[in-house]
């Protein structure tokens, strides 16, 4: 008696919007390590700024000299434009120029550049006045949201470097194929990262405009 073989069950491909989360889940350990490193370096910078306040004062003076401080004070009064400006800086200067583009040229380079940025940013976050400490309350949420976006890109940069140098880890035949598969992963992770950067920019712009002053009046 002959029997027909049962059809092989095939797993349906995950919906496009779920793929970034699957990448995070499959690389949970690396994701957690990058989280600890990113927040840890920012905390180190914050502690340095507390111990050496002159470093923070020097950076603040530099912002005033190049006109950035005055520009920010003007933009605070126009939240939509301020949010758009923040988003542009975070996407192009920090995401692309600091993390993504260096990693496309040198494996893992974006992680090193971001580490320096995290320490430097931690220093600049140290408030210089009581009002600054109040402003740090809503700004802390901004920092958490934006840092999560950068962490997703850092994970992508790590996976790109690993698949580029060790293509067999993802089943690629050669370094070229590993590189392009790494590009696909960093591209997928860029989608939720962009969403977080948009949320962070809107929250930062509107919280500085509408929350800080009333909160200062309440607390101080």
N, C-alpha and C. Protein backbone atom coordinates (compact mmCIF):
# COMPACT_ATOMS: atom_id res chain seq x y z
N UNK A 1 0.86 -1.19 0.00
CA UNK A 1 0.00 0.00 0.00
C UNK A 1 0.90 1.24 0.00
N UNK A 2 0.61 2.12 -0.88
CA UNK A 2 1.41 3.34 -0.97
C UNK A 2 0.77 4.44 -0.17
N UNK A 3 1.58 5.27 0.40
CA UNK A 3 1.07 6.42 1.16
C UNK A 3 1.68 7.68 0.58
N UNK A 4 0.88 8.69 0.54
CA UNK A 4 1.36 9.98 0.02
C UNK A 4 2.03 10.75 1.14
N UNK A 5 3.13 11.36 0.83
CA UNK A 5 3.83 12.15 1.84
C UNK A 5 3.05 13.40 2.16
N UNK A 6 3.04 13.75 3.45
CA UNK A 6 2.31 14.94 3.88
C UNK A 6 3.01 16.19 3.38
N UNK A 7 2.26 17.21 3.00
CA UNK A 7 2.89 18.44 2.52
C UNK A 7 3.71 19.10 3.61
N UNK A 8 4.81 19.65 3.23
CA UNK A 8 5.69 20.32 4.19
C UNK A 8 5.11 21.67 4.56
N UNK A 9 4.96 21.88 5.87
CA UNK A 9 4.40 23.15 6.34
C UNK A 9 5.45 24.24 6.21
N UNK A 10 5.07 25.35 5.69
CA UNK A 10 5.98 26.49 5.53
C UNK A 10 5.53 27.64 6.42
N UNK A 11 6.51 28.17 7.08
CA UNK A 11 6.21 29.29 7.96
C UNK A 11 6.00 30.55 7.13
N UNK A 12 4.88 31.20 7.36
CA UNK A 12 4.59 32.43 6.61
C UNK A 12 5.57 33.51 7.00
N UNK A 13 6.05 34.27 6.04
CA UNK A 13 6.99 35.35 6.38
C UNK A 13 6.35 36.38 7.29
N UNK A 14 7.14 36.90 8.20
CA UNK A 14 6.61 37.89 9.16
C UNK A 14 6.21 39.15 8.42
N UNK A 15 5.15 39.82 8.87
CA UNK A 15 4.78 41.10 8.26
C UNK A 15 5.94 42.08 8.32
N UNK A 16 5.98 42.97 7.35
CA UNK A 16 7.11 43.89 7.22
C UNK A 16 7.36 44.68 8.50
N UNK A 17 6.27 45.12 9.14
CA UNK A 17 6.43 45.97 10.32
C UNK A 17 6.94 45.20 11.53
N UNK A 18 6.87 43.86 11.48
CA UNK A 18 7.36 43.05 12.59
C UNK A 18 8.83 42.66 12.45
N UNK A 19 9.38 42.82 11.28
CA UNK A 19 10.74 42.35 11.04
C UNK A 19 11.79 43.04 11.91
N UNK A 20 11.69 44.36 12.14
CA UNK A 20 12.69 44.97 13.03
C UNK A 20 12.64 44.39 14.44
N UNK A 21 11.43 44.11 14.93
CA UNK A 21 11.32 43.56 16.28
C UNK A 21 11.85 42.13 16.33
N UNK A 22 11.72 41.40 15.23
CA UNK A 22 12.28 40.06 15.18
C UNK A 22 13.79 40.12 15.22
N UNK A 23 14.38 41.11 14.53
CA UNK A 23 15.83 41.27 14.56
C UNK A 23 16.30 41.54 15.99
N UNK A 24 15.58 42.41 16.69
CA UNK A 24 15.94 42.71 18.08
C UNK A 24 15.82 41.45 18.94
N UNK A 25 14.75 40.71 18.75
CA UNK A 25 14.52 39.50 19.54
C UNK A 25 15.60 38.46 19.28
N UNK A 26 16.00 38.30 18.03
CA UNK A 26 17.02 37.30 17.69
C UNK A 26 18.40 37.72 18.17
N UNK A 27 18.59 39.01 18.42
CA UNK A 27 19.89 39.51 18.88
C UNK A 27 19.72 40.21 20.23
N UNK A 28 18.94 39.57 21.09
CA UNK A 28 18.59 40.18 22.38
C UNK A 28 19.82 40.48 23.22
N UNK A 29 20.78 39.60 23.23
CA UNK A 29 21.96 39.81 24.06
C UNK A 29 22.74 41.04 23.62
N UNK A 30 22.98 41.14 22.32
CA UNK A 30 23.71 42.31 21.81
C UNK A 30 22.92 43.59 22.08
N UNK A 31 21.61 43.53 21.93
CA UNK A 31 20.76 44.69 22.17
C UNK A 31 20.87 45.16 23.62
N UNK A 32 20.85 44.21 24.55
CA UNK A 32 20.95 44.57 25.97
C UNK A 32 22.32 45.14 26.30
N UNK A 33 23.37 44.56 25.73
CA UNK A 33 24.72 45.07 25.99
C UNK A 33 24.86 46.49 25.46
N UNK A 34 24.33 46.74 24.27
CA UNK A 34 24.41 48.09 23.70
C UNK A 34 23.62 49.07 24.56
N UNK A 35 22.47 48.65 25.09
CA UNK A 35 21.71 49.51 25.99
C UNK A 35 22.54 49.90 27.21
N UNK A 36 23.14 48.91 27.85
CA UNK A 36 23.94 49.17 29.05
C UNK A 36 25.11 50.10 28.72
N UNK A 37 25.76 49.85 27.59
CA UNK A 37 26.91 50.68 27.21
C UNK A 37 26.49 52.11 26.91
N UNK A 38 25.39 52.28 26.16
CA UNK A 38 24.96 53.63 25.77
C UNK A 38 24.54 54.45 26.98
N UNK A 39 23.67 53.89 27.81
CA UNK A 39 23.24 54.63 29.00
C UNK A 39 24.38 54.78 29.99
N UNK A 40 25.23 53.77 30.07
CA UNK A 40 26.35 53.85 30.99
C UNK A 40 27.33 54.95 30.61
N UNK A 41 27.66 55.07 29.33
CA UNK A 41 28.58 56.12 28.90
C UNK A 41 27.99 57.50 29.11
N UNK A 42 26.68 57.64 28.85
CA UNK A 42 26.03 58.93 29.10
C UNK A 42 26.07 59.27 30.59
N UNK A 43 25.87 58.27 31.44
CA UNK A 43 25.93 58.49 32.89
C UNK A 43 27.35 58.86 33.33
N UNK A 44 28.34 58.22 32.72
CA UNK A 44 29.73 58.58 33.01
C UNK A 44 29.99 60.04 32.66
N UNK A 45 29.50 60.45 31.49
CA UNK A 45 29.66 61.85 31.09
C UNK A 45 28.96 62.79 32.06
N UNK A 46 27.78 62.40 32.52
CA UNK A 46 27.03 63.24 33.47
C UNK A 46 27.81 63.39 34.77
N UNK A 47 28.39 62.30 35.26
CA UNK A 47 29.18 62.35 36.48
C UNK A 47 30.43 63.22 36.30
N UNK A 48 31.04 63.12 35.12
CA UNK A 48 32.21 63.97 34.84
C UNK A 48 31.80 65.44 34.86
N UNK A 49 30.62 65.74 34.27
CA UNK A 49 30.14 67.11 34.27
C UNK A 49 29.85 67.63 35.66
N UNK A 50 29.39 66.75 36.56
CA UNK A 50 29.14 67.16 37.94
C UNK A 50 30.44 67.43 38.68
N UNK A 51 31.44 66.59 38.44
CA UNK A 51 32.72 66.73 39.14
C UNK A 51 33.53 67.90 38.57
N UNK A 52 33.43 68.10 37.26
CA UNK A 52 34.18 69.18 36.61
C UNK A 52 33.20 70.13 35.91
N UNK A 53 32.53 71.01 36.65
CA UNK A 53 31.54 71.90 36.05
C UNK A 53 32.11 72.84 35.00
N UNK A 54 33.42 73.07 35.04
CA UNK A 54 34.02 73.96 34.05
C UNK A 54 33.90 73.39 32.63
N UNK A 55 33.85 72.06 32.52
CA UNK A 55 33.69 71.44 31.20
C UNK A 55 32.34 71.80 30.60
N UNK A 56 31.32 71.74 31.42
CA UNK A 56 29.97 72.10 30.97
C UNK A 56 29.90 73.58 30.63
N UNK A 57 30.53 74.41 31.47
CA UNK A 57 30.51 75.86 31.22
C UNK A 57 31.22 76.19 29.92
N UNK A 58 32.31 75.49 29.63
CA UNK A 58 33.04 75.75 28.39
C UNK A 58 32.20 75.38 27.17
N UNK A 59 31.47 74.26 27.25
CA UNK A 59 30.62 73.87 26.13
C UNK A 59 29.47 74.85 25.95
N UNK A 60 28.90 75.31 27.07
CA UNK A 60 27.81 76.29 26.99
C UNK A 60 28.31 77.60 26.37
N UNK A 61 29.52 78.01 26.74
CA UNK A 61 30.09 79.23 26.17
C UNK A 61 30.31 79.08 24.68
N UNK A 62 30.73 77.89 24.27
CA UNK A 62 30.93 77.65 22.85
C UNK A 62 29.64 77.74 22.06
N UNK A 63 28.54 77.25 22.65
CA UNK A 63 27.24 77.34 21.98
C UNK A 63 26.79 78.79 21.84
N UNK A 64 27.12 79.60 22.83
CA UNK A 64 26.76 81.01 22.76
C UNK A 64 27.59 81.74 21.71
N UNK A 65 28.86 81.39 21.62
CA UNK A 65 29.75 82.06 20.68
C UNK A 65 29.37 81.78 19.23
N UNK A 66 28.96 80.54 18.95
CA UNK A 66 28.63 80.22 17.56
C UNK A 66 27.16 80.51 17.20
N UNK A 67 26.42 81.06 18.17
CA UNK A 67 25.04 81.46 17.89
C UNK A 67 24.00 80.38 18.11
N UNK A 68 24.44 79.18 18.50
CA UNK A 68 23.49 78.09 18.68
C UNK A 68 22.53 78.37 19.83
N UNK A 69 23.05 78.92 20.92
CA UNK A 69 22.21 79.22 22.08
C UNK A 69 21.09 80.19 21.75
N UNK A 70 21.44 81.24 21.02
CA UNK A 70 20.42 82.23 20.63
C UNK A 70 19.39 81.62 19.69
N UNK A 71 19.84 80.78 18.78
CA UNK A 71 18.92 80.13 17.84
C UNK A 71 17.95 79.22 18.58
N UNK A 72 18.44 78.48 19.55
CA UNK A 72 17.57 77.58 20.32
C UNK A 72 16.53 78.37 21.09
N UNK A 73 16.94 79.47 21.72
CA UNK A 73 15.99 80.29 22.48
C UNK A 73 14.90 80.86 21.58
N UNK A 74 15.23 81.16 20.32
CA UNK A 74 14.23 81.65 19.38
C UNK A 74 13.30 80.54 18.93
N UNK A 75 13.88 79.37 18.67
CA UNK A 75 13.08 78.25 18.17
C UNK A 75 12.13 77.70 19.23
N UNK A 76 12.48 77.84 20.50
CA UNK A 76 11.62 77.32 21.58
C UNK A 76 10.22 77.91 21.49
N UNK A 77 10.11 79.14 21.03
CA UNK A 77 8.81 79.80 20.93
C UNK A 77 8.00 79.36 19.73
N UNK A 78 8.57 78.53 18.86
CA UNK A 78 7.86 78.03 17.68
C UNK A 78 8.00 76.51 17.68
N UNK A 79 7.22 75.81 18.50
CA UNK A 79 7.40 74.36 18.68
C UNK A 79 7.42 73.53 17.40
N UNK A 80 6.52 73.77 16.40
CA UNK A 80 6.60 72.94 15.19
C UNK A 80 7.93 73.06 14.47
N UNK A 81 8.44 74.30 14.34
CA UNK A 81 9.73 74.51 13.68
C UNK A 81 10.86 73.96 14.52
N UNK A 82 10.74 74.11 15.83
CA UNK A 82 11.76 73.58 16.74
C UNK A 82 11.82 72.06 16.64
N UNK A 83 10.66 71.41 16.60
CA UNK A 83 10.62 69.94 16.49
C UNK A 83 11.24 69.48 15.17
N UNK A 84 10.95 70.21 14.10
CA UNK A 84 11.51 69.85 12.79
C UNK A 84 13.03 70.02 12.79
N UNK A 85 13.51 71.08 13.44
CA UNK A 85 14.96 71.30 13.53
C UNK A 85 15.63 70.20 14.34
N UNK A 86 15.03 69.86 15.47
CA UNK A 86 15.57 68.78 16.30
C UNK A 86 15.63 67.48 15.52
N UNK A 87 14.55 67.18 14.81
CA UNK A 87 14.49 65.95 14.03
C UNK A 87 15.58 65.93 12.96
N UNK A 88 15.78 67.06 12.29
CA UNK A 88 16.81 67.12 11.26
C UNK A 88 18.19 66.88 11.83
N UNK A 89 18.49 67.50 12.97
CA UNK A 89 19.80 67.31 13.60
C UNK A 89 19.98 65.86 14.02
N UNK A 90 18.94 65.29 14.63
CA UNK A 90 19.06 63.92 15.14
C UNK A 90 19.17 62.89 14.01
N UNK A 91 18.49 63.14 12.91
CA UNK A 91 18.51 62.18 11.80
C UNK A 91 19.82 62.28 11.02
N UNK A 92 20.18 63.49 10.62
CA UNK A 92 21.33 63.64 9.73
C UNK A 92 22.66 63.68 10.48
N UNK A 93 22.74 64.50 11.50
CA UNK A 93 24.03 64.65 12.18
C UNK A 93 24.37 63.45 13.06
N UNK A 94 23.39 63.01 13.85
CA UNK A 94 23.67 61.95 14.81
C UNK A 94 23.46 60.55 14.23
N UNK A 95 22.31 60.33 13.59
CA UNK A 95 22.02 58.98 13.08
C UNK A 95 22.88 58.64 11.88
N UNK A 96 22.85 59.50 10.85
CA UNK A 96 23.57 59.19 9.62
C UNK A 96 25.08 59.42 9.75
N UNK A 97 25.47 60.64 10.12
CA UNK A 97 26.90 60.98 10.11
C UNK A 97 27.68 60.35 11.25
N UNK A 98 27.02 60.14 12.39
CA UNK A 98 27.74 59.60 13.55
C UNK A 98 27.73 58.08 13.60
N UNK A 99 26.58 57.46 13.25
CA UNK A 99 26.44 56.01 13.42
C UNK A 99 26.50 55.26 12.10
N UNK A 100 25.60 55.60 11.16
CA UNK A 100 25.40 54.76 9.98
C UNK A 100 26.55 54.88 8.98
N UNK A 101 26.82 56.08 8.50
CA UNK A 101 27.82 56.24 7.44
C UNK A 101 29.21 55.74 7.84
N UNK A 102 29.72 56.04 9.04
CA UNK A 102 31.03 55.48 9.40
C UNK A 102 31.03 53.95 9.40
N UNK A 103 29.90 53.35 9.80
CA UNK A 103 29.82 51.89 9.86
C UNK A 103 29.77 51.26 8.48
N UNK A 104 29.34 52.04 7.48
CA UNK A 104 29.34 51.53 6.11
C UNK A 104 30.73 51.48 5.51
N UNK A 105 31.64 52.24 6.11
CA UNK A 105 33.02 52.32 5.60
C UNK A 105 33.97 51.45 6.40
N UNK A 106 33.86 51.56 7.73
CA UNK A 106 34.72 50.78 8.63
C UNK A 106 33.82 50.01 9.59
N UNK A 107 33.97 48.70 9.69
CA UNK A 107 33.11 47.92 10.58
C UNK A 107 33.14 48.45 12.02
N UNK A 108 31.96 48.63 12.60
CA UNK A 108 31.78 49.04 13.99
C UNK A 108 32.23 50.47 14.29
N UNK A 109 32.62 51.24 13.28
CA UNK A 109 33.11 52.60 13.53
C UNK A 109 32.03 53.46 14.18
N UNK A 110 30.77 53.28 13.78
CA UNK A 110 29.70 54.07 14.35
C UNK A 110 29.55 53.88 15.84
N UNK A 111 29.84 52.69 16.34
CA UNK A 111 29.74 52.44 17.77
C UNK A 111 30.76 53.27 18.54
N UNK A 112 31.97 53.37 17.99
CA UNK A 112 33.02 54.15 18.65
C UNK A 112 32.68 55.64 18.63
N UNK A 113 32.23 56.15 17.49
CA UNK A 113 31.87 57.57 17.41
C UNK A 113 30.71 57.89 18.35
N UNK A 114 29.75 56.99 18.43
CA UNK A 114 28.61 57.24 19.31
C UNK A 114 29.04 57.20 20.77
N UNK A 115 29.98 56.34 21.11
CA UNK A 115 30.46 56.29 22.49
C UNK A 115 31.03 57.62 22.93
N UNK A 116 31.81 58.25 22.04
CA UNK A 116 32.35 59.58 22.35
C UNK A 116 31.21 60.59 22.50
N UNK A 117 30.23 60.53 21.59
CA UNK A 117 29.10 61.45 21.66
C UNK A 117 28.32 61.27 22.95
N UNK A 118 28.13 60.04 23.40
CA UNK A 118 27.35 59.77 24.61
C UNK A 118 28.01 60.41 25.83
N UNK A 119 29.32 60.28 25.93
CA UNK A 119 30.03 60.88 27.07
C UNK A 119 29.94 62.40 27.00
N UNK A 120 30.17 62.95 25.83
CA UNK A 120 30.12 64.41 25.66
C UNK A 120 28.71 64.94 25.96
N UNK A 121 27.70 64.23 25.51
CA UNK A 121 26.33 64.66 25.76
C UNK A 121 25.99 64.57 27.24
N UNK A 122 26.48 63.53 27.90
CA UNK A 122 26.26 63.42 29.34
C UNK A 122 26.81 64.63 30.08
N UNK A 123 27.95 65.13 29.63
CA UNK A 123 28.54 66.33 30.25
C UNK A 123 27.64 67.54 30.04
N UNK A 124 27.12 67.70 28.83
CA UNK A 124 26.30 68.88 28.52
C UNK A 124 24.95 68.83 29.23
N UNK A 125 24.50 67.66 29.65
CA UNK A 125 23.20 67.56 30.32
C UNK A 125 23.21 68.07 31.75
N UNK A 126 24.39 68.25 32.33
CA UNK A 126 24.47 68.71 33.71
C UNK A 126 23.94 70.14 33.81
N UNK A 127 22.87 70.37 34.57
CA UNK A 127 22.30 71.73 34.67
C UNK A 127 23.22 72.68 35.41
N UNK A 128 23.15 73.95 35.04
CA UNK A 128 23.97 74.97 35.68
C UNK A 128 23.16 75.88 36.58
N UNK A 129 21.85 75.61 36.72
CA UNK A 129 20.98 76.47 37.53
C UNK A 129 19.82 75.63 38.04
N UNK A 130 19.09 76.14 39.06
CA UNK A 130 17.91 75.41 39.54
C UNK A 130 16.88 75.18 38.43
N UNK A 131 16.70 76.18 37.57
CA UNK A 131 15.75 76.03 36.46
C UNK A 131 16.19 74.91 35.52
N UNK A 132 17.52 74.78 35.37
CA UNK A 132 18.04 73.72 34.52
C UNK A 132 17.74 72.33 35.07
N UNK A 133 17.78 72.19 36.40
CA UNK A 133 17.44 70.91 37.01
C UNK A 133 15.96 70.59 36.80
N UNK A 134 15.13 71.61 36.84
CA UNK A 134 13.70 71.38 36.57
C UNK A 134 13.49 70.96 35.12
N UNK A 135 14.18 71.65 34.20
CA UNK A 135 14.06 71.32 32.78
C UNK A 135 14.54 69.91 32.49
N UNK A 136 15.44 69.41 33.35
CA UNK A 136 15.98 68.07 33.14
C UNK A 136 14.91 66.99 33.36
N UNK A 137 13.86 67.33 34.10
CA UNK A 137 12.80 66.34 34.38
C UNK A 137 12.10 65.91 33.08
N UNK A 138 11.51 66.83 32.31
CA UNK A 138 10.91 66.38 31.04
C UNK A 138 11.96 65.99 30.00
N UNK A 139 13.14 66.62 30.08
CA UNK A 139 14.17 66.32 29.09
C UNK A 139 14.74 64.91 29.27
N UNK A 140 14.63 64.37 30.48
CA UNK A 140 15.10 63.00 30.71
C UNK A 140 14.32 62.02 29.85
N UNK A 141 13.01 62.25 29.72
CA UNK A 141 12.20 61.39 28.87
C UNK A 141 12.62 61.54 27.41
N UNK A 142 12.91 62.76 27.00
CA UNK A 142 13.41 63.00 25.64
C UNK A 142 14.67 62.18 25.39
N UNK A 143 15.58 62.23 26.36
CA UNK A 143 16.86 61.54 26.21
C UNK A 143 16.67 60.02 26.11
N UNK A 144 15.75 59.49 26.93
CA UNK A 144 15.50 58.04 26.90
C UNK A 144 14.93 57.63 25.54
N UNK A 145 13.96 58.40 25.02
CA UNK A 145 13.34 58.07 23.74
C UNK A 145 14.36 58.14 22.60
N UNK A 146 15.11 59.23 22.55
CA UNK A 146 16.07 59.40 21.47
C UNK A 146 17.21 58.39 21.56
N UNK A 147 17.64 58.09 22.77
CA UNK A 147 18.72 57.13 22.92
C UNK A 147 18.29 55.73 22.46
N UNK A 148 17.03 55.39 22.69
CA UNK A 148 16.53 54.11 22.20
C UNK A 148 16.58 54.05 20.68
N UNK A 149 16.30 55.17 20.03
CA UNK A 149 16.40 55.21 18.57
C UNK A 149 17.84 54.97 18.13
N UNK A 150 18.78 55.62 18.80
CA UNK A 150 20.19 55.44 18.44
C UNK A 150 20.66 54.02 18.74
N UNK A 151 20.12 53.42 19.79
CA UNK A 151 20.51 52.05 20.15
C UNK A 151 20.08 51.07 19.06
N UNK A 152 18.90 51.30 18.47
CA UNK A 152 18.48 50.45 17.35
C UNK A 152 19.45 50.56 16.18
N UNK A 153 19.89 51.78 15.90
CA UNK A 153 20.86 51.97 14.82
C UNK A 153 22.22 51.39 15.19
N UNK A 154 22.59 51.48 16.45
CA UNK A 154 23.84 50.88 16.90
C UNK A 154 23.79 49.36 16.76
N UNK A 155 22.63 48.78 17.07
CA UNK A 155 22.47 47.34 16.87
C UNK A 155 22.63 47.00 15.38
N UNK A 156 22.03 47.82 14.53
CA UNK A 156 22.19 47.61 13.09
C UNK A 156 23.64 47.72 12.66
N UNK A 157 24.36 48.71 13.21
CA UNK A 157 25.78 48.88 12.87
C UNK A 157 26.59 47.67 13.34
N UNK A 158 26.25 47.15 14.50
CA UNK A 158 26.95 45.95 15.00
C UNK A 158 26.68 44.75 14.11
N UNK A 159 25.41 44.55 13.75
CA UNK A 159 25.07 43.41 12.91
C UNK A 159 25.69 43.54 11.52
N UNK A 160 25.76 44.76 11.01
CA UNK A 160 26.41 44.99 9.72
C UNK A 160 27.88 44.60 9.78
N UNK A 161 28.56 45.08 10.82
CA UNK A 161 29.98 44.75 10.96
C UNK A 161 30.22 43.27 11.14
N UNK A 162 29.36 42.62 11.92
CA UNK A 162 29.54 41.18 12.15
C UNK A 162 29.30 40.36 10.88
N UNK A 163 28.21 40.68 10.18
CA UNK A 163 27.91 39.93 8.95
C UNK A 163 28.91 40.25 7.85
N UNK A 164 29.50 41.44 7.89
CA UNK A 164 30.51 41.84 6.91
C UNK A 164 31.81 41.07 7.12
N UNK A 165 32.26 41.02 8.38
CA UNK A 165 33.52 40.35 8.69
C UNK A 165 33.37 38.84 8.82
N UNK A 166 32.20 38.41 9.33
CA UNK A 166 31.95 36.98 9.54
C UNK A 166 30.66 36.58 8.83
N UNK A 167 30.68 36.53 7.52
CA UNK A 167 29.45 36.28 6.76
C UNK A 167 28.78 34.96 7.09
N UNK A 168 29.54 33.97 7.56
CA UNK A 168 28.95 32.67 7.85
C UNK A 168 27.98 32.74 9.03
N UNK A 169 28.10 33.76 9.88
CA UNK A 169 27.21 33.86 11.03
C UNK A 169 25.76 34.07 10.61
N UNK A 170 25.53 34.56 9.40
CA UNK A 170 24.16 34.73 8.92
C UNK A 170 23.90 33.91 7.66
N UNK A 171 24.79 32.96 7.41
CA UNK A 171 24.58 32.08 6.27
C UNK A 171 24.94 32.68 4.93
N UNK A 172 25.73 33.75 4.93
CA UNK A 172 26.16 34.37 3.67
C UNK A 172 27.37 33.62 3.10
N UNK A 173 27.50 33.64 1.77
CA UNK A 173 28.57 32.90 1.11
C UNK A 173 29.90 33.64 1.15
N UNK A 174 29.85 34.96 1.16
CA UNK A 174 31.10 35.73 1.13
C UNK A 174 30.88 37.06 1.83
N UNK A 175 31.95 37.85 1.91
CA UNK A 175 31.89 39.13 2.63
C UNK A 175 30.92 40.10 1.94
N UNK A 176 30.90 40.07 0.63
CA UNK A 176 30.02 40.98 -0.11
C UNK A 176 28.56 40.68 0.21
N UNK A 177 28.21 39.42 0.19
CA UNK A 177 26.83 39.06 0.51
C UNK A 177 26.50 39.38 1.97
N UNK A 178 27.47 39.16 2.85
CA UNK A 178 27.26 39.50 4.25
C UNK A 178 27.05 40.98 4.45
N UNK A 179 27.79 41.79 3.69
CA UNK A 179 27.66 43.24 3.78
C UNK A 179 26.25 43.69 3.39
N UNK A 180 25.74 43.15 2.29
CA UNK A 180 24.42 43.58 1.83
C UNK A 180 23.31 43.06 2.72
N UNK A 181 23.50 41.90 3.32
CA UNK A 181 22.51 41.44 4.28
C UNK A 181 22.52 42.30 5.53
N UNK A 182 23.72 42.75 5.91
CA UNK A 182 23.81 43.68 7.03
C UNK A 182 23.13 45.00 6.73
N UNK A 183 23.25 45.46 5.50
CA UNK A 183 22.56 46.69 5.09
C UNK A 183 21.05 46.54 5.21
N UNK A 184 20.54 45.38 4.84
CA UNK A 184 19.11 45.14 4.96
C UNK A 184 18.66 45.24 6.41
N UNK A 185 19.46 44.71 7.31
CA UNK A 185 19.09 44.74 8.72
C UNK A 185 19.11 46.16 9.29
N UNK A 186 20.15 46.89 8.95
CA UNK A 186 20.21 48.25 9.47
C UNK A 186 19.10 49.12 8.87
N UNK A 187 18.71 48.80 7.63
CA UNK A 187 17.59 49.51 7.01
C UNK A 187 16.28 49.22 7.71
N UNK A 188 16.06 47.97 8.08
CA UNK A 188 14.84 47.62 8.80
C UNK A 188 14.80 48.26 10.18
N UNK A 189 15.93 48.26 10.87
CA UNK A 189 15.97 48.85 12.21
C UNK A 189 15.85 50.37 12.16
N UNK A 190 16.16 50.96 11.02
CA UNK A 190 16.05 52.42 10.90
C UNK A 190 14.59 52.87 10.93
N UNK A 191 13.65 52.00 10.59
CA UNK A 191 12.24 52.38 10.57
C UNK A 191 11.71 52.70 11.96
N UNK A 192 11.80 51.79 12.94
CA UNK A 192 11.36 52.16 14.29
C UNK A 192 12.23 53.25 14.90
N UNK A 193 13.51 53.31 14.52
CA UNK A 193 14.37 54.37 15.03
C UNK A 193 13.87 55.74 14.59
N UNK A 194 13.46 55.85 13.34
CA UNK A 194 12.92 57.11 12.84
C UNK A 194 11.63 57.48 13.57
N UNK A 195 10.78 56.50 13.82
CA UNK A 195 9.54 56.77 14.54
C UNK A 195 9.84 57.30 15.94
N UNK A 196 10.82 56.72 16.62
CA UNK A 196 11.19 57.19 17.95
C UNK A 196 11.78 58.59 17.90
N UNK A 197 12.57 58.88 16.87
CA UNK A 197 13.15 60.22 16.75
C UNK A 197 12.08 61.27 16.52
N UNK A 198 11.04 60.92 15.77
CA UNK A 198 9.93 61.86 15.56
C UNK A 198 9.21 62.12 16.88
N UNK A 199 8.93 61.07 17.62
CA UNK A 199 8.26 61.21 18.92
C UNK A 199 9.13 62.04 19.86
N UNK A 200 10.42 61.74 19.89
CA UNK A 200 11.32 62.48 20.77
C UNK A 200 11.42 63.95 20.41
N UNK A 201 11.46 64.26 19.12
CA UNK A 201 11.57 65.66 18.69
C UNK A 201 10.32 66.44 19.07
N UNK A 202 9.15 65.84 18.86
CA UNK A 202 7.89 66.52 19.19
C UNK A 202 7.80 66.73 20.70
N UNK A 203 8.12 65.70 21.48
CA UNK A 203 8.06 65.83 22.93
C UNK A 203 9.04 66.89 23.43
N UNK A 204 10.26 66.89 22.91
CA UNK A 204 11.25 67.86 23.36
C UNK A 204 10.81 69.29 23.06
N UNK A 205 10.33 69.53 21.86
CA UNK A 205 9.94 70.88 21.47
C UNK A 205 8.78 71.39 22.31
N UNK A 206 7.76 70.58 22.48
CA UNK A 206 6.56 71.04 23.18
C UNK A 206 6.74 71.02 24.70
N UNK A 207 7.55 70.11 25.22
CA UNK A 207 7.77 70.10 26.67
C UNK A 207 8.59 71.31 27.10
N UNK A 208 9.59 71.69 26.30
CA UNK A 208 10.38 72.87 26.63
C UNK A 208 9.54 74.15 26.55
N UNK A 209 8.60 74.16 25.63
CA UNK A 209 7.78 75.36 25.45
C UNK A 209 6.67 75.48 26.49
N UNK A 210 6.04 74.37 26.85
CA UNK A 210 4.83 74.46 27.66
C UNK A 210 4.93 73.83 29.05
N UNK A 211 5.95 72.99 29.32
CA UNK A 211 6.01 72.30 30.60
C UNK A 211 7.03 72.87 31.56
N UNK A 212 8.16 73.32 31.04
CA UNK A 212 9.26 73.70 31.91
C UNK A 212 8.92 74.90 32.79
N UNK A 213 8.37 75.96 32.21
CA UNK A 213 8.06 77.15 33.02
C UNK A 213 7.02 76.87 34.10
N UNK A 214 5.88 76.26 33.78
CA UNK A 214 4.91 75.96 34.84
C UNK A 214 5.50 75.02 35.90
N UNK A 215 6.32 74.07 35.47
CA UNK A 215 6.94 73.16 36.43
C UNK A 215 7.91 73.89 37.33
N UNK A 216 8.64 74.85 36.77
CA UNK A 216 9.57 75.66 37.58
C UNK A 216 8.82 76.47 38.62
N UNK A 217 7.68 77.04 38.21
CA UNK A 217 6.86 77.81 39.14
C UNK A 217 6.34 76.95 40.27
N UNK A 218 6.07 75.70 39.97
CA UNK A 218 5.52 74.78 40.96
C UNK A 218 6.58 74.26 41.92
N UNK A 219 7.76 73.98 41.38
CA UNK A 219 8.81 73.33 42.18
C UNK A 219 9.69 74.33 42.90
N UNK A 220 10.07 75.41 42.23
CA UNK A 220 11.03 76.36 42.82
C UNK A 220 10.35 77.42 43.65
